[in-house]
Amino acid sequence: MTMVTEHISGAPVVDDDDDDLLGIITEKDILQRMFPDITEIISKHPQTFEQMESNYADTMDVSISDIMTKDVRRAIFKNGLS
């Protein structure tokens, strides 16, 4: 997982053809996919290592477009920052 090993917490997702911004993928997006219910993590019966490993494998098989944040706001500066 390159984001983790390179200490990257998020990255833009752009269209290959025209570089349009489609969304952003973040650590939070990935963790929410792996652990959709916080009570699973803090419950009296936490997931086993095998369950966490299975969640990880399932998450790595999902398309980024299925878990990324799509409603992204952006600012365009035409004359530089002032």
N, C-alpha and C. Protein backbone atom coordinates (compact mmCIF):
# COMPACT_ATOMS: atom_id res chain seq x y z
N MET A 1 0.84 -1.17 0.00
CA MET A 1 0.00 0.00 0.00
C MET A 1 0.89 1.24 0.00
N THR A 2 1.05 1.87 -1.11
CA THR A 2 1.99 2.96 -1.30
C THR A 2 1.66 4.18 -0.45
N MET A 3 0.38 4.53 -0.29
CA MET A 3 0.03 5.72 0.48
C MET A 3 0.60 5.62 1.89
N VAL A 4 0.47 4.47 2.51
CA VAL A 4 0.93 4.29 3.88
C VAL A 4 2.45 4.33 3.94
N THR A 5 3.10 3.57 3.08
CA THR A 5 4.57 3.49 3.14
C THR A 5 5.23 4.82 2.77
N GLU A 6 4.58 5.63 1.98
CA GLU A 6 5.14 6.93 1.56
C GLU A 6 4.62 8.09 2.41
N HIS A 7 3.82 7.78 3.45
CA HIS A 7 3.27 8.80 4.37
C HIS A 7 2.40 9.82 3.63
N ILE A 8 1.58 9.33 2.72
CA ILE A 8 0.64 10.17 1.97
C ILE A 8 -0.75 9.94 2.53
N SER A 9 -1.40 11.00 3.00
CA SER A 9 -2.71 10.83 3.63
C SER A 9 -3.87 10.99 2.63
N GLY A 10 -3.58 11.51 1.45
CA GLY A 10 -4.63 11.66 0.45
C GLY A 10 -4.03 12.01 -0.90
N ALA A 11 -4.80 11.76 -1.96
CA ALA A 11 -4.32 12.05 -3.31
C ALA A 11 -5.51 12.35 -4.22
N PRO A 12 -5.33 13.27 -5.16
CA PRO A 12 -6.42 13.54 -6.10
C PRO A 12 -6.61 12.37 -7.06
N VAL A 13 -7.84 12.20 -7.50
CA VAL A 13 -8.15 11.19 -8.52
C VAL A 13 -8.59 11.98 -9.76
N VAL A 14 -7.84 11.83 -10.85
CA VAL A 14 -8.12 12.61 -12.05
C VAL A 14 -8.43 11.70 -13.23
N ASP A 15 -9.18 12.24 -14.17
CA ASP A 15 -9.51 11.53 -15.40
C ASP A 15 -8.25 11.43 -16.26
N ASP A 16 -7.95 10.24 -16.76
CA ASP A 16 -6.75 10.03 -17.57
C ASP A 16 -6.76 10.83 -18.87
N ASP A 17 -7.95 11.05 -19.43
CA ASP A 17 -8.04 11.70 -20.74
C ASP A 17 -7.88 13.21 -20.69
N ASP A 18 -8.55 13.85 -19.72
CA ASP A 18 -8.54 15.32 -19.72
C ASP A 18 -8.12 15.95 -18.39
N ASP A 19 -7.59 15.15 -17.50
CA ASP A 19 -7.09 15.62 -16.20
C ASP A 19 -8.14 16.30 -15.33
N ASP A 20 -9.42 16.06 -15.59
CA ASP A 20 -10.48 16.59 -14.72
C ASP A 20 -10.41 15.93 -13.35
N LEU A 21 -10.66 16.71 -12.32
CA LEU A 21 -10.68 16.18 -10.96
C LEU A 21 -11.96 15.39 -10.74
N LEU A 22 -11.82 14.10 -10.44
CA LEU A 22 -12.98 13.24 -10.21
C LEU A 22 -13.29 13.08 -8.73
N GLY A 23 -12.26 13.20 -7.90
CA GLY A 23 -12.44 13.02 -6.46
C GLY A 23 -11.11 13.02 -5.77
N ILE A 24 -11.13 12.56 -4.51
CA ILE A 24 -9.91 12.44 -3.72
C ILE A 24 -10.00 11.15 -2.92
N ILE A 25 -8.90 10.45 -2.83
CA ILE A 25 -8.84 9.23 -2.03
C ILE A 25 -7.99 9.54 -0.80
N THR A 26 -8.51 9.20 0.38
CA THR A 26 -7.82 9.52 1.62
C THR A 26 -7.69 8.27 2.49
N GLU A 27 -6.82 8.38 3.49
CA GLU A 27 -6.71 7.30 4.47
C GLU A 27 -8.07 7.01 5.09
N LYS A 28 -8.81 8.07 5.36
CA LYS A 28 -10.14 7.91 5.98
C LYS A 28 -11.05 7.09 5.09
N ASP A 29 -11.05 7.35 3.78
CA ASP A 29 -11.87 6.57 2.84
C ASP A 29 -11.53 5.09 2.92
N ILE A 30 -10.25 4.78 2.96
CA ILE A 30 -9.80 3.39 3.00
C ILE A 30 -10.18 2.73 4.32
N LEU A 31 -9.95 3.45 5.43
CA LEU A 31 -10.28 2.89 6.74
C LEU A 31 -11.78 2.68 6.91
N GLN A 32 -12.59 3.61 6.37
CA GLN A 32 -14.04 3.44 6.45
C GLN A 32 -14.50 2.23 5.66
N ARG A 33 -13.81 1.91 4.59
CA ARG A 33 -14.14 0.71 3.82
C ARG A 33 -13.75 -0.55 4.60
N MET A 34 -12.60 -0.50 5.26
CA MET A 34 -12.13 -1.66 6.01
C MET A 34 -12.92 -1.87 7.30
N PHE A 35 -13.30 -0.78 7.95
CA PHE A 35 -14.00 -0.84 9.24
C PHE A 35 -15.24 0.07 9.18
N PRO A 36 -16.31 -0.37 8.51
CA PRO A 36 -17.48 0.50 8.33
C PRO A 36 -18.19 0.86 9.63
N ASP A 37 -17.97 0.10 10.68
CA ASP A 37 -18.67 0.33 11.94
C ASP A 37 -17.64 0.45 13.06
N ILE A 38 -17.49 1.64 13.63
CA ILE A 38 -16.49 1.87 14.67
C ILE A 38 -16.71 0.96 15.87
N THR A 39 -17.94 0.55 16.10
CA THR A 39 -18.21 -0.32 17.24
C THR A 39 -17.50 -1.66 17.10
N GLU A 40 -17.20 -2.07 15.86
CA GLU A 40 -16.44 -3.30 15.65
C GLU A 40 -15.05 -3.20 16.26
N ILE A 41 -14.49 -2.02 16.21
CA ILE A 41 -13.12 -1.82 16.68
C ILE A 41 -13.08 -1.74 18.20
N ILE A 42 -14.07 -1.10 18.81
CA ILE A 42 -14.02 -0.87 20.25
C ILE A 42 -14.93 -1.79 21.05
N SER A 43 -15.52 -2.75 20.41
CA SER A 43 -16.43 -3.65 21.11
C SER A 43 -15.68 -4.63 22.00
N LYS A 44 -16.44 -5.35 22.80
CA LYS A 44 -15.85 -6.37 23.66
C LYS A 44 -15.32 -7.55 22.85
N HIS A 45 -15.79 -7.66 21.62
CA HIS A 45 -15.38 -8.76 20.74
C HIS A 45 -14.78 -8.19 19.46
N PRO A 46 -13.57 -7.64 19.54
CA PRO A 46 -12.96 -7.05 18.34
C PRO A 46 -12.70 -8.11 17.28
N GLN A 47 -12.47 -7.64 16.09
CA GLN A 47 -12.19 -8.56 14.99
C GLN A 47 -10.91 -9.33 15.26
N THR A 48 -10.89 -10.53 14.76
CA THR A 48 -9.66 -11.32 14.83
C THR A 48 -8.70 -10.81 13.76
N PHE A 49 -7.45 -11.22 13.86
CA PHE A 49 -6.47 -10.84 12.86
C PHE A 49 -6.91 -11.32 11.48
N GLU A 50 -7.47 -12.51 11.41
CA GLU A 50 -7.92 -13.08 10.13
C GLU A 50 -9.05 -12.23 9.53
N GLN A 51 -9.96 -11.75 10.37
CA GLN A 51 -11.04 -10.89 9.87
C GLN A 51 -10.49 -9.57 9.34
N MET A 52 -9.54 -8.98 10.07
CA MET A 52 -8.93 -7.73 9.62
C MET A 52 -8.17 -7.95 8.31
N GLU A 53 -7.48 -9.08 8.21
CA GLU A 53 -6.75 -9.41 7.00
C GLU A 53 -7.71 -9.57 5.82
N SER A 54 -8.85 -10.19 6.06
CA SER A 54 -9.87 -10.36 5.03
C SER A 54 -10.44 -9.01 4.60
N ASN A 55 -10.72 -8.12 5.57
CA ASN A 55 -11.20 -6.78 5.24
C ASN A 55 -10.19 -6.02 4.39
N TYR A 56 -8.91 -6.16 4.75
CA TYR A 56 -7.84 -5.51 3.99
C TYR A 56 -7.82 -6.02 2.55
N ALA A 57 -7.85 -7.34 2.39
CA ALA A 57 -7.82 -7.94 1.05
C ALA A 57 -9.03 -7.50 0.24
N ASP A 58 -10.21 -7.48 0.86
CA ASP A 58 -11.42 -7.04 0.17
C ASP A 58 -11.31 -5.58 -0.27
N THR A 59 -10.74 -4.74 0.59
CA THR A 59 -10.59 -3.32 0.28
C THR A 59 -9.63 -3.11 -0.87
N MET A 60 -8.57 -3.89 -0.93
CA MET A 60 -7.58 -3.73 -2.00
C MET A 60 -8.13 -4.19 -3.36
N ASP A 61 -9.22 -4.95 -3.36
CA ASP A 61 -9.84 -5.41 -4.61
C ASP A 61 -10.91 -4.44 -5.13
N VAL A 62 -11.19 -3.38 -4.37
CA VAL A 62 -12.24 -2.43 -4.74
C VAL A 62 -11.64 -1.32 -5.60
N SER A 63 -12.39 -0.86 -6.58
CA SER A 63 -11.94 0.26 -7.40
C SER A 63 -11.90 1.54 -6.57
N ILE A 64 -10.89 2.36 -6.80
CA ILE A 64 -10.78 3.63 -6.08
C ILE A 64 -12.05 4.46 -6.24
N SER A 65 -12.64 4.43 -7.43
CA SER A 65 -13.85 5.23 -7.66
C SER A 65 -15.02 4.80 -6.78
N ASP A 66 -14.96 3.58 -6.25
CA ASP A 66 -16.03 3.11 -5.37
C ASP A 66 -15.89 3.61 -3.94
N ILE A 67 -14.70 4.02 -3.52
CA ILE A 67 -14.52 4.44 -2.13
C ILE A 67 -14.03 5.88 -1.99
N MET A 68 -13.65 6.53 -3.07
CA MET A 68 -13.12 7.90 -2.98
C MET A 68 -14.23 8.88 -2.60
N THR A 69 -13.81 10.03 -2.10
CA THR A 69 -14.72 11.14 -1.86
C THR A 69 -14.93 11.84 -3.19
N LYS A 70 -16.18 11.95 -3.60
CA LYS A 70 -16.48 12.50 -4.94
C LYS A 70 -16.86 13.97 -4.90
N ASP A 71 -17.43 14.43 -3.80
CA ASP A 71 -17.88 15.82 -3.71
C ASP A 71 -16.72 16.69 -3.21
N VAL A 72 -15.83 17.03 -4.13
CA VAL A 72 -14.61 17.76 -3.79
C VAL A 72 -14.74 19.19 -4.29
N ARG A 73 -14.41 20.13 -3.43
CA ARG A 73 -14.39 21.55 -3.81
C ARG A 73 -12.96 21.91 -4.18
N ARG A 74 -12.82 22.75 -5.18
CA ARG A 74 -11.48 23.17 -5.56
C ARG A 74 -11.48 24.64 -5.90
N ALA A 75 -10.32 25.24 -5.79
CA ALA A 75 -10.14 26.65 -6.11
C ALA A 75 -9.18 26.75 -7.30
N ILE A 76 -9.48 27.62 -8.22
CA ILE A 76 -8.62 27.83 -9.37
C ILE A 76 -8.12 29.27 -9.31
N PHE A 77 -6.81 29.41 -9.28
CA PHE A 77 -6.20 30.73 -9.25
C PHE A 77 -5.61 31.02 -10.62
N LYS A 78 -6.13 32.04 -11.30
CA LYS A 78 -5.67 32.35 -12.65
C LYS A 78 -4.49 33.31 -12.66
N ASN A 79 -4.42 34.19 -11.66
CA ASN A 79 -3.35 35.19 -11.64
C ASN A 79 -2.41 34.98 -10.46
N GLY A 80 -2.28 33.77 -9.99
CA GLY A 80 -1.43 33.49 -8.85
C GLY A 80 -2.12 33.84 -7.54
N LEU A 81 -1.43 33.61 -6.47
CA LEU A 81 -1.98 33.90 -5.14
C LEU A 81 -1.67 35.33 -4.77
N SER A 82 -2.61 35.99 -4.13
CA SER A 82 -2.35 37.36 -3.68
C SER A 82 -2.82 37.57 -2.28
